[in-house]
Amino acid sequence: MSAFSFEETISAFKAPPGTKLHILNLGVLSVDEAWLLEGANGSSVSNPNPTNKRRDLGLFAALIEHPEDGLILYETGCAEDLDLKWGAQRVDLFPRTVYTEAHTLPAAIAATGNSIADVRAVVIGHLHLDHAGGLEHFKSSDVPIYVHELEFKHAAWAVATKSDGGVYLADYLSLDTSAGLGLNWQTFADPHVELFRGVSFHHAPGHTPGLVAMQVNLRRDGTFIFTSDHAIVKENYHDAQPQGFLARDHVSWIRSSQMLKRLQRSYRATVVFGHDLDVVNKLWAEKRVWE
């Protein structure tokens, strides 16, 4: 029986040589902090009318150049025509304040030297409108759209019953394939699954029932964990400060936080939060491609 070194064993879980990771810049939203952090902007006896702080949130997606499986896209950002797709009330609550042609999904992918036409798989962390709106670019294509089974079921229920605060939209769910405008939905139910070599996904319910975080084990730059909106901003993760109006299942959120922190410690991973501009700006200041 041949012996394997620790490094050789760990290497088996790494993405293949030549894998590259890009973090795409898809613009900026502005939101009231009460959506993000429990108790934010709340009044007290001593301060009955506090200033309502707002916060800029980055819109991100991750693009992986995978030598074996081609271009893999994790999340897609918002729809291009936000006013039309979201409606006046949502746009008033969450205006997109930074957005040019360069922030469109096709242009952001092109800036990496790739084409959206060459994307071979899309994985959605969760199906909220600011993470899945870009699925509009994959209608009538055969590109597989991977999503956790619980997330897909919950999104369909939320849209059909007009429940869950309107954070899911029928437009990008595209269930009608008869007109050739549907999406190639592929669901999975595993709590942890490696869909591509060195790229795995972890079920982290709380923010939504079927949210999945992505783990990418790179050979040179180490492991990255993308939390999607399990941690919208760094305070949700580092300070364990629960989410505000966007919180759903608090107990599951705590358990998911514990799981992701164990993963981070085990792999000494770099953690990328769902919308934290400061964290991603620091990463972009160092480099734009990780290998």
Protein backbone atom coordinates (compact mmCIF):
# COMPACT_ATOMS: atom_id res chain seq x y z
CA MET A 1 0.00 0.00 0.00
CA SER A 2 1.52 3.29 -1.06
CA ALA A 3 1.73 6.16 1.38
CA PHE A 4 0.57 9.69 0.61
CA SER A 5 1.92 12.84 2.19
CA PHE A 6 -0.41 15.33 3.86
CA GLU A 7 0.24 17.82 1.06
CA GLU A 8 -0.60 15.22 -1.60
CA THR A 9 -3.83 14.35 0.20
CA ILE A 10 -4.91 17.99 0.49
CA SER A 11 -3.90 18.58 -3.12
CA ALA A 12 -6.58 16.14 -4.25
CA PHE A 13 -9.18 18.62 -3.03
CA LYS A 14 -7.66 21.58 -4.87
CA ALA A 15 -8.86 22.96 -8.18
CA PRO A 16 -6.78 21.75 -11.14
CA PRO A 17 -3.65 23.66 -12.20
CA GLY A 18 -4.54 26.69 -14.27
CA THR A 19 -7.77 27.50 -12.42
CA LYS A 20 -8.36 31.26 -12.13
CA LEU A 21 -10.81 33.20 -10.00
CA HIS A 22 -12.25 36.65 -10.76
CA ILE A 23 -14.57 38.79 -8.60
CA LEU A 24 -16.88 40.73 -10.91
CA ASN A 25 -17.95 44.32 -10.21
CA LEU A 26 -21.67 44.64 -10.98
CA GLY A 27 -22.35 48.04 -9.42
CA VAL A 28 -23.51 49.43 -6.06
CA LEU A 29 -26.82 49.51 -4.17
CA SER A 30 -27.70 51.92 -1.34
CA VAL A 31 -29.75 50.59 1.60
CA ASP A 32 -30.88 51.51 5.09
CA GLU A 33 -28.62 49.71 7.61
CA ALA A 34 -31.68 48.33 9.39
CA TRP A 35 -31.99 45.79 6.57
CA LEU A 36 -28.48 44.51 7.30
CA LEU A 37 -27.88 44.67 11.05
CA GLU A 38 -30.24 43.82 13.89
CA GLY A 39 -31.09 46.94 15.87
CA ALA A 40 -29.49 49.36 13.43
CA ASN A 41 -31.16 52.80 13.32
CA GLY A 42 -33.39 51.84 16.25
CA SER A 43 -34.59 54.56 18.59
CA SER A 44 -34.09 54.77 22.36
CA VAL A 45 -35.31 57.01 25.18
CA SER A 46 -32.10 59.02 25.02
CA ASN A 47 -32.11 59.15 21.22
CA PRO A 48 -35.73 58.87 20.05
CA ASN A 49 -35.03 60.08 16.50
CA PRO A 50 -31.65 58.72 15.39
CA THR A 51 -30.21 59.48 11.99
CA ASN A 52 -31.08 56.67 9.64
CA LYS A 53 -27.72 55.52 8.36
CA ARG A 54 -27.53 54.18 4.85
CA ARG A 55 -24.85 51.90 3.47
CA ASP A 56 -23.37 51.26 0.05
CA LEU A 57 -23.46 47.60 -0.91
CA GLY A 58 -21.34 46.13 -3.68
CA LEU A 59 -22.93 43.87 -6.25
CA PHE A 60 -20.59 40.96 -6.98
CA ALA A 61 -20.35 37.69 -8.85
CA ALA A 62 -17.48 35.22 -9.04
CA LEU A 63 -16.17 33.83 -12.31
CA ILE A 64 -13.99 30.73 -12.33
CA GLU A 65 -11.89 29.68 -15.29
CA HIS A 66 -11.80 25.93 -14.72
CA PRO A 67 -9.52 23.90 -17.01
CA GLU A 68 -11.80 20.86 -16.87
CA ASP A 69 -15.30 22.35 -16.76
CA GLY A 70 -14.89 25.70 -18.49
CA LEU A 71 -16.29 29.00 -17.23
CA ILE A 72 -18.29 28.71 -14.00
CA LEU A 73 -20.32 31.69 -12.75
CA TYR A 74 -21.39 32.02 -9.11
CA GLU A 75 -24.34 34.42 -8.82
CA THR A 76 -25.34 36.99 -11.41
CA GLY A 77 -26.27 40.31 -9.76
CA CYS A 78 -29.34 42.35 -10.65
CA ALA A 79 -31.32 42.67 -13.85
CA GLU A 80 -30.03 45.30 -16.24
CA ASP A 81 -33.30 47.29 -16.39
CA LEU A 82 -33.86 47.67 -12.67
CA ASP A 83 -36.70 50.19 -12.93
CA LEU A 84 -38.70 47.86 -15.15
CA LYS A 85 -37.97 44.56 -13.40
CA TRP A 86 -38.06 45.72 -9.76
CA GLY A 87 -40.75 48.38 -9.81
CA ALA A 88 -40.82 51.78 -8.11
CA GLN A 89 -41.19 50.62 -4.50
CA ARG A 90 -38.18 48.28 -4.53
CA VAL A 91 -36.03 50.81 -6.40
CA ASP A 92 -36.95 53.45 -3.82
CA LEU A 93 -35.84 51.14 -0.99
CA PHE A 94 -32.73 49.79 -2.72
CA PRO A 95 -31.60 52.25 -5.41
CA ARG A 96 -28.69 51.20 -7.59
CA THR A 97 -26.40 54.22 -7.29
CA VAL A 98 -23.38 53.09 -9.31
CA TYR A 99 -24.05 51.41 -12.63
CA THR A 100 -22.60 51.88 -16.10
CA GLU A 101 -22.24 49.70 -19.16
CA ALA A 102 -19.07 48.30 -17.58
CA HIS A 103 -21.13 46.92 -14.67
CA THR A 104 -23.43 44.82 -16.84
CA LEU A 105 -22.82 41.10 -16.48
CA PRO A 106 -21.64 40.60 -20.10
CA ALA A 107 -19.22 43.55 -19.84
CA ALA A 108 -17.87 42.49 -16.45
CA ILE A 109 -17.14 39.01 -17.80
CA ALA A 110 -15.58 40.50 -20.94
CA ALA A 111 -13.24 42.58 -18.74
CA THR A 112 -11.68 39.29 -17.58
CA GLY A 113 -10.88 38.33 -21.18
CA ASN A 114 -13.83 35.93 -21.39
CA SER A 115 -17.28 35.97 -22.96
CA ILE A 116 -20.64 35.35 -21.34
CA ALA A 117 -21.37 33.11 -24.32
CA ASP A 118 -18.68 30.75 -23.03
CA VAL A 119 -20.14 30.29 -19.54
CA ARG A 120 -20.71 26.56 -19.07
CA ALA A 121 -22.44 26.54 -15.67
CA VAL A 122 -24.11 28.98 -13.27
CA VAL A 123 -24.49 28.34 -9.55
CA ILE A 124 -26.84 30.57 -7.57
CA GLY A 125 -26.08 31.15 -3.90
CA HIS A 126 -29.70 32.19 -3.36
CA LEU A 127 -32.48 33.40 -5.61
CA HIS A 128 -33.10 36.92 -4.29
CA LEU A 129 -33.54 39.58 -6.96
CA ASP A 130 -30.08 41.14 -6.46
CA HIS A 131 -28.28 37.81 -6.89
CA ALA A 132 -30.30 36.04 -9.59
CA GLY A 133 -31.54 38.89 -11.80
CA GLY A 134 -28.71 38.33 -14.25
CA LEU A 135 -30.19 34.95 -15.14
CA GLU A 136 -32.03 36.93 -17.81
CA HIS A 137 -28.89 36.45 -19.92
CA PHE A 138 -29.27 32.66 -19.88
CA LYS A 139 -32.87 32.30 -20.96
CA SER A 140 -33.37 29.93 -23.90
CA SER A 141 -29.85 28.56 -23.40
CA ASP A 142 -28.90 25.07 -22.27
CA VAL A 143 -26.45 26.35 -19.64
CA PRO A 144 -27.22 24.46 -16.41
CA ILE A 145 -28.39 26.68 -13.55
CA TYR A 146 -27.52 24.94 -10.28
CA VAL A 147 -29.45 25.85 -7.13
CA HIS A 148 -30.26 24.06 -3.89
CA GLU A 149 -33.59 22.23 -4.06
CA LEU A 150 -34.94 24.01 -0.97
CA GLU A 151 -34.10 27.41 -2.45
CA PHE A 152 -35.81 26.62 -5.73
CA LYS A 153 -38.96 25.38 -4.01
CA HIS A 154 -39.07 28.35 -1.64
CA ALA A 155 -38.58 30.87 -4.46
CA ALA A 156 -41.40 29.31 -6.50
CA TRP A 157 -43.69 29.38 -3.44
CA ALA A 158 -42.76 32.98 -2.61
CA VAL A 159 -43.53 34.19 -6.12
CA ALA A 160 -46.74 32.16 -6.51
CA THR A 161 -48.17 33.31 -3.17
CA LYS A 162 -46.69 36.84 -3.25
CA SER A 163 -44.99 36.07 0.05
CA ASP A 164 -41.59 36.74 1.63
CA GLY A 165 -41.48 40.46 1.04
CA GLY A 166 -41.18 40.45 -2.72
CA VAL A 167 -37.48 39.57 -2.67
CA TYR A 168 -38.01 36.91 -5.34
CA LEU A 169 -39.27 37.78 -8.83
CA ALA A 170 -41.10 35.62 -11.34
CA ASP A 171 -39.14 37.09 -14.25
CA TYR A 172 -35.90 35.21 -13.71
CA LEU A 173 -37.45 31.97 -12.43
CA SER A 174 -38.58 31.27 -16.01
CA LEU A 175 -40.50 28.07 -15.42
CA ASP A 176 -42.27 28.07 -18.81
CA THR A 177 -40.05 26.22 -21.26
CA SER A 178 -42.74 25.94 -23.95
CA ALA A 179 -41.84 29.31 -25.45
CA GLY A 180 -38.12 28.56 -25.50
CA LEU A 181 -37.46 31.19 -22.81
CA GLY A 182 -36.95 28.90 -19.84
CA LEU A 183 -33.81 28.10 -17.90
CA ASN A 184 -32.04 24.77 -17.56
CA TRP A 185 -32.63 24.33 -13.83
CA GLN A 186 -30.56 21.71 -12.02
CA THR A 187 -31.18 21.22 -8.29
CA PHE A 188 -29.19 19.42 -5.62
CA ALA A 189 -30.10 18.55 -2.04
CA ASP A 190 -26.71 17.68 -0.57
CA PRO A 191 -25.58 19.63 2.50
CA HIS A 192 -22.08 19.70 0.99
CA VAL A 193 -21.31 18.95 -2.64
CA GLU A 194 -18.32 19.31 -4.97
CA LEU A 195 -19.87 20.14 -8.34
CA PHE A 196 -16.50 20.80 -9.96
CA ARG A 197 -13.06 19.63 -8.90
CA GLY A 198 -11.84 21.96 -6.17
CA VAL A 199 -15.09 23.94 -6.14
CA SER A 200 -17.64 22.92 -3.52
CA PHE A 201 -20.89 24.29 -2.15
CA HIS A 202 -22.23 24.27 1.40
CA HIS A 203 -25.88 24.55 2.39
CA ALA A 204 -26.09 27.49 4.83
CA PRO A 205 -29.77 28.20 5.59
CA GLY A 206 -30.92 31.18 7.61
CA HIS A 207 -31.04 34.15 5.26
CA THR A 208 -33.02 31.90 2.93
CA PRO A 209 -33.93 28.20 3.24
CA GLY A 210 -31.61 27.02 0.47
CA LEU A 211 -28.69 29.44 0.48
CA VAL A 212 -25.36 27.87 -0.48
CA ALA A 213 -21.88 29.27 0.10
CA MET A 214 -19.09 28.52 -2.37
CA GLN A 215 -15.61 27.25 -1.50
CA VAL A 216 -12.81 27.44 -4.07
CA ASN A 217 -9.51 25.74 -3.24
CA LEU A 218 -6.86 27.43 -5.37
CA ARG A 219 -3.35 26.05 -5.64
CA ARG A 220 -1.38 29.29 -5.28
CA ASP A 221 -3.67 31.77 -3.52
CA GLY A 222 -5.36 29.35 -1.16
CA THR A 223 -9.01 28.84 -0.32
CA PHE A 224 -11.78 31.37 -0.85
CA ILE A 225 -15.24 31.13 0.71
CA PHE A 226 -18.05 33.21 -0.79
CA THR A 227 -20.87 33.50 1.74
CA SER A 228 -23.53 34.94 -0.58
CA ASP A 229 -25.92 36.76 1.78
CA HIS A 230 -25.42 34.48 4.74
CA ALA A 231 -23.11 37.34 5.74
CA ILE A 232 -24.23 40.42 3.85
CA VAL A 233 -21.50 42.55 5.44
CA LYS A 234 -18.50 41.75 7.61
CA GLU A 235 -20.30 42.55 10.89
CA ASN A 236 -22.68 39.63 10.29
CA TYR A 237 -19.66 37.31 10.25
CA HIS A 238 -16.91 38.76 12.44
CA ASP A 239 -19.18 40.23 15.13
CA ALA A 240 -21.91 37.57 14.81
CA GLN A 241 -24.37 40.47 14.51
CA PRO A 242 -27.60 39.07 13.10
CA GLN A 243 -29.20 40.54 10.03
CA GLY A 244 -31.96 43.12 10.35
CA PHE A 245 -35.14 43.12 8.28
CA LEU A 246 -33.63 40.50 5.94
CA ALA A 247 -33.30 37.85 8.68
CA ARG A 248 -35.55 34.81 8.34
CA ASP A 249 -34.55 31.69 10.35
CA HIS A 250 -32.30 32.89 13.18
CA VAL A 251 -31.44 29.49 14.66
CA SER A 252 -30.43 28.09 11.27
CA TRP A 253 -28.42 31.24 10.60
CA ILE A 254 -26.41 30.73 13.81
CA ARG A 255 -25.72 27.09 12.95
CA SER A 256 -24.66 28.05 9.41
CA SER A 257 -22.34 30.70 10.83
CA GLN A 258 -20.68 28.09 13.01
CA MET A 259 -20.24 25.74 10.06
CA LEU A 260 -18.70 28.41 7.80
CA LYS A 261 -16.32 29.59 10.53
CA ARG A 262 -15.14 26.01 11.05
CA LEU A 263 -14.46 25.76 7.33
CA GLN A 264 -12.58 29.05 7.35
CA ARG A 265 -10.36 27.91 10.20
CA SER A 266 -9.69 24.50 8.65
CA TYR A 267 -8.65 25.95 5.28
CA ARG A 268 -7.38 29.35 6.49
CA ALA A 269 -9.73 30.71 3.88
CA THR A 270 -10.24 34.23 2.61
CA VAL A 271 -13.93 35.06 3.16
CA VAL A 272 -15.86 37.20 0.68
CA PHE A 273 -19.19 38.49 1.99
CA GLY A 274 -22.33 39.04 -0.05
CA HIS A 275 -22.10 42.81 -0.41
CA ASP A 276 -19.22 44.19 1.68
CA LEU A 277 -17.48 46.81 -0.46
CA ASP A 278 -14.58 47.38 1.94
CA VAL A 279 -13.55 43.72 1.92
CA VAL A 280 -13.68 43.35 -1.86
CA ASN A 281 -12.00 46.72 -2.51
CA LYS A 282 -9.05 45.54 -0.40
CA LEU A 283 -8.86 42.34 -2.41
CA TRP A 284 -9.04 44.26 -5.69
CA ALA A 285 -6.26 46.57 -4.50
CA GLU A 286 -3.96 43.55 -4.27
CA LYS A 287 -4.85 41.84 -7.55
CA ARG A 288 -7.72 41.12 -9.91
CA VAL A 289 -7.04 37.43 -10.62
CA TRP A 290 -6.39 34.67 -8.11
CA GLU A 291 -4.88 31.30 -9.04
